[in-house]
C-alpha atoms as a PDB file:
ATOM      1  CA  MET A   1      11.217 -13.971  -6.130  1.00  0.00           C
ATOM      2  CA  GLY A   2      10.602 -16.077  -2.995  1.00  0.00           C
ATOM      3  CA  ALA A   3       7.425 -17.856  -2.079  1.00  0.00           C
ATOM      4  CA  LYS A   4       4.726 -15.998  -0.202  1.00  0.00           C
ATOM      5  CA  SER A   5       4.488 -16.451   3.514  1.00  0.00           C
ATOM      6  CA  LYS A   6       1.357 -18.117   4.847  1.00  0.00           C
ATOM      7  CA  LEU A   7      -1.006 -16.942   7.579  1.00  0.00           C
ATOM      8  CA  ILE A   8      -2.448 -19.810   9.605  1.00  0.00           C
ATOM      9  CA  PHE A   9      -5.600 -19.018  11.571  1.00  0.00           C
ATOM     10  CA  VAL A  10      -6.201 -21.524  14.372  1.00  0.00           C
ATOM     11  CA  TYR A  11      -9.584 -21.591  16.071  1.00  0.00           C
ATOM     12  CA  ASN A  12     -10.049 -22.644  19.682  1.00  0.00           C
ATOM     13  CA  ALA A  13     -12.515 -25.354  18.667  1.00  0.00           C
ATOM     14  CA  ASP A  14     -12.206 -28.863  17.295  1.00  0.00           C
ATOM     15  CA  SER A  15     -13.381 -29.956  13.848  1.00  0.00           C
ATOM     16  CA  GLY A  16     -16.393 -32.126  13.062  1.00  0.00           C
ATOM     17  CA  ILE A  17     -20.131 -31.649  12.628  1.00  0.00           C
ATOM     18  CA  PHE A  18     -20.990 -32.256  16.292  1.00  0.00           C
ATOM     19  CA  ASN A  19     -18.456 -29.635  17.389  1.00  0.00           C
ATOM     20  CA  LEU A  20     -19.772 -27.213  14.753  1.00  0.00           C
ATOM     21  CA  LEU A  21     -23.359 -27.555  15.977  1.00  0.00           C
ATOM     22  CA  THR A  22     -22.271 -27.261  19.607  1.00  0.00           C
ATOM     23  CA  ASP A  23     -20.239 -24.136  18.790  1.00  0.00           C
ATOM     24  CA  ILE A  24     -23.168 -22.495  16.987  1.00  0.00           C
ATOM     25  CA  ALA A  25     -25.457 -23.179  19.937  1.00  0.00           C
ATOM     26  CA  HIS A  26     -22.891 -21.907  22.444  1.00  0.00           C
ATOM     27  CA  LYS A  27     -22.137 -18.769  20.397  1.00  0.00           C
ATOM     28  CA  THR A  28     -25.860 -18.034  20.124  1.00  0.00           C
ATOM     29  CA  LEU A  29     -27.027 -18.888  23.639  1.00  0.00           C
ATOM     30  CA  SER A  30     -24.028 -17.795  25.703  1.00  0.00           C
ATOM     31  CA  PRO A  31     -21.728 -15.591  23.588  1.00  0.00           C
ATOM     32  CA  GLN A  32     -19.928 -14.069  26.584  1.00  0.00           C
ATOM     33  CA  THR A  33     -18.493 -17.482  27.508  1.00  0.00           C
ATOM     34  CA  TYR A  34     -17.720 -18.690  23.979  1.00  0.00           C
ATOM     35  CA  ALA A  35     -14.110 -19.983  23.904  1.00  0.00           C
ATOM     36  CA  CYS A  36     -13.070 -18.777  20.450  1.00  0.00           C
ATOM     37  CA  ASN A  37     -13.102 -15.032  19.933  1.00  0.00           C
ATOM     38  CA  LEU A  38     -11.462 -15.467  16.500  1.00  0.00           C
ATOM     39  CA  CYS A  39     -14.532 -17.389  15.340  1.00  0.00           C
ATOM     40  CA  ALA A  40     -16.969 -15.111  17.174  1.00  0.00           C
ATOM     41  CA  ILE A  41     -15.566 -11.998  15.469  1.00  0.00           C
ATOM     42  CA  THR A  42     -15.077 -13.379  11.949  1.00  0.00           C
ATOM     43  CA  HIS A  43     -18.048 -15.740  11.529  1.00  0.00           C
ATOM     44  CA  SER A  44     -21.795 -15.605  11.889  1.00  0.00           C
ATOM     45  CA  ASN A  45     -23.882 -18.760  12.284  1.00  0.00           C
ATOM     46  CA  PHE A  46     -24.017 -18.886   8.481  1.00  0.00           C
ATOM     47  CA  GLY A  47     -20.300 -18.678   7.666  1.00  0.00           C
ATOM     48  CA  MET A  48     -17.512 -16.156   7.283  1.00  0.00           C
ATOM     49  CA  LYS A  49     -18.591 -12.526   7.530  1.00  0.00           C
ATOM     50  CA  LYS A  50     -18.386 -10.547   4.286  1.00  0.00           C
ATOM     51  CA  GLU A  51     -16.133  -7.801   5.735  1.00  0.00           C
ATOM     52  CA  TRP A  52     -13.574 -10.405   6.916  1.00  0.00           C
ATOM     53  CA  LYS A  53     -13.716 -12.369   3.639  1.00  0.00           C
ATOM     54  CA  GLU A  54     -13.074  -9.158   1.659  1.00  0.00           C
ATOM     55  CA  TYR A  55     -10.133  -8.233   3.901  1.00  0.00           C
ATOM     56  CA  LEU A  56      -8.546 -11.671   3.524  1.00  0.00           C
ATOM     57  CA  ALA A  57      -8.896 -11.431  -0.261  1.00  0.00           C
ATOM     58  CA  ILE A  58      -6.571  -8.394  -0.388  1.00  0.00           C
ATOM     59  CA  LEU A  59      -3.804  -9.927   1.735  1.00  0.00           C
ATOM     60  CA  ASP A  60      -0.728 -10.896  -0.257  1.00  0.00           C
ATOM     61  CA  GLU A  61      -0.255 -14.131   1.671  1.00  0.00           C
ATOM     62  CA  GLU A  62      -1.473 -17.684   1.441  1.00  0.00           C
ATOM     63  CA  LEU A  63      -4.151 -18.461   4.023  1.00  0.00           C
ATOM     64  CA  GLU A  64      -4.912 -21.598   5.992  1.00  0.00           C
ATOM     65  CA  PHE A  65      -7.731 -22.089   8.491  1.00  0.00           C
ATOM     66  CA  LEU A  66      -7.485 -24.889  11.056  1.00  0.00           C
ATOM     67  CA  HIS A  67      -9.336 -26.081  14.112  1.00  0.00           C
ATOM     68  CA  ALA A  68      -7.311 -26.888  17.235  1.00  0.00           C
ATOM     69  CA  ASP A  69      -7.231 -30.652  16.594  1.00  0.00           C
ATOM     70  CA  GLU A  70      -6.207 -30.161  12.944  1.00  0.00           C
ATOM     71  CA  PHE A  71      -3.411 -27.754  13.905  1.00  0.00           C
ATOM     72  CA  LYS A  72      -2.013 -30.176  16.484  1.00  0.00           C
ATOM     73  CA  ARG A  73      -1.985 -33.014  13.942  1.00  0.00           C
ATOM     74  CA  LYS A  74      -0.361 -30.967  11.171  1.00  0.00           C
ATOM     75  CA  TYR A  75       2.198 -28.832  13.019  1.00  0.00           C
ATOM     76  CA  SER A  76       4.503 -29.511  15.934  1.00  0.00           C
ATOM     77  CA  PHE A  77       4.535 -26.077  17.524  1.00  0.00           C
ATOM     78  CA  GLY A  78       4.306 -27.100  21.155  1.00  0.00           C
ATOM     79  CA  LYS A  79       1.844 -25.824  23.712  1.00  0.00           C
ATOM     80  CA  VAL A  80       0.181 -22.570  22.733  1.00  0.00           C
ATOM     81  CA  GLU A  81      -3.009 -20.909  23.902  1.00  0.00           C
ATOM     82  CA  LEU A  82      -5.690 -20.687  21.208  1.00  0.00           C
ATOM     83  CA  PRO A  83      -7.089 -18.973  19.236  1.00  0.00           C
ATOM     84  CA  ALA A  84      -3.929 -17.800  17.516  1.00  0.00           C
ATOM     85  CA  ILE A  85      -2.630 -16.639  14.168  1.00  0.00           C
ATOM     86  CA  PHE A  86       0.717 -17.936  12.915  1.00  0.00           C
ATOM     87  CA  ARG A  87       2.932 -16.951  10.038  1.00  0.00           C
ATOM     88  CA  GLU A  88       4.780 -19.697   8.183  1.00  0.00           C
ATOM     89  CA  GLU A  89       7.887 -18.340   6.517  1.00  0.00           C
ATOM     90  CA  ASN A  90       9.600 -19.692   3.389  1.00  0.00           C
ATOM     91  CA  GLU A  91      11.755 -22.081   5.413  1.00  0.00           C
ATOM     92  CA  GLY A  92       8.640 -23.684   6.884  1.00  0.00           C
ATOM     93  CA  GLY A  93       9.117 -22.346  10.401  1.00  0.00           C
ATOM     94  CA  LEU A  94       6.086 -21.076  12.318  1.00  0.00           C
ATOM     95  CA  ILE A  95       6.065 -17.741  14.095  1.00  0.00           C
ATOM     96  CA  LEU A  96       3.265 -16.713  16.444  1.00  0.00           C
ATOM     97  CA  ALA A  97       1.927 -13.570  14.725  1.00  0.00           C
ATOM     98  CA  VAL A  98      -1.081 -12.799  16.966  1.00  0.00           C
ATOM     99  CA  ASP A  99      -1.484 -14.473  20.337  1.00  0.00           C
ATOM    100  CA  ALA A 100      -4.673 -15.521  22.137  1.00  0.00           C
ATOM    101  CA  ARG A 101      -4.598 -12.574  24.538  1.00  0.00           C
ATOM    102  CA  THR A 102      -4.527 -10.083  21.661  1.00  0.00           C
ATOM    103  CA  ILE A 103      -7.293 -11.891  19.765  1.00  0.00           C
ATOM    104  CA  ASN A 104      -9.418 -12.122  22.900  1.00  0.00           C
ATOM    105  CA  GLU A 105      -9.066  -8.360  23.450  1.00  0.00           C
ATOM    106  CA  CYS A 106     -10.466  -7.653  19.958  1.00  0.00           C
ATOM    107  CA  ASN A 107     -14.073  -6.502  19.838  1.00  0.00           C
ATOM    108  CA  SER A 108     -14.490  -6.220  16.075  1.00  0.00           C
ATOM    109  CA  ILE A 109     -13.107  -7.203  12.698  1.00  0.00           C
ATOM    110  CA  SER A 110     -11.460  -3.785  12.603  1.00  0.00           C
ATOM    111  CA  ASP A 111      -9.564  -4.563  15.840  1.00  0.00           C
ATOM    112  CA  LEU A 112      -8.485  -7.926  14.450  1.00  0.00           C
ATOM    113  CA  LYS A 113      -7.257  -6.380  11.202  1.00  0.00           C
ATOM    114  CA  LYS A 114      -5.157  -3.889  13.221  1.00  0.00           C
ATOM    115  CA  SER A 115      -3.569  -6.768  15.152  1.00  0.00           C
ATOM    116  CA  LEU A 116      -2.368  -8.261  11.852  1.00  0.00           C
ATOM    117  CA  GLN A 117      -0.615  -5.071  10.745  1.00  0.00           C
ATOM    118  CA  PRO A 118       3.180  -5.122  11.122  1.00  0.00           C
ATOM    119  CA  GLY A 119       4.684  -2.932  13.824  1.00  0.00           C
END
């Protein structure tokens, strides 16, 4: 049996404590202009939302969560609008599974889950 594919969730934010604090403030004070809808939908100011965490637990795929700067350092995918969700297949190639436009059109965890369904 082959190895599982991996879902790679890439946030439109950079890593680091300063960026984290800035993101929390921005999400709280001006949510309509927050740059990462993936984070806005799946996280509260206190961490990953329970509904999203439970959904991820039932997926039969490995999961990886990266900030924009981490993704750029680790993978050479080229220019892509973030946030985005990628699928890494057995051969190591990345496929864009859910693009920024689709993520940005999501209004809820339910919408995001639907975007991850095949077909």
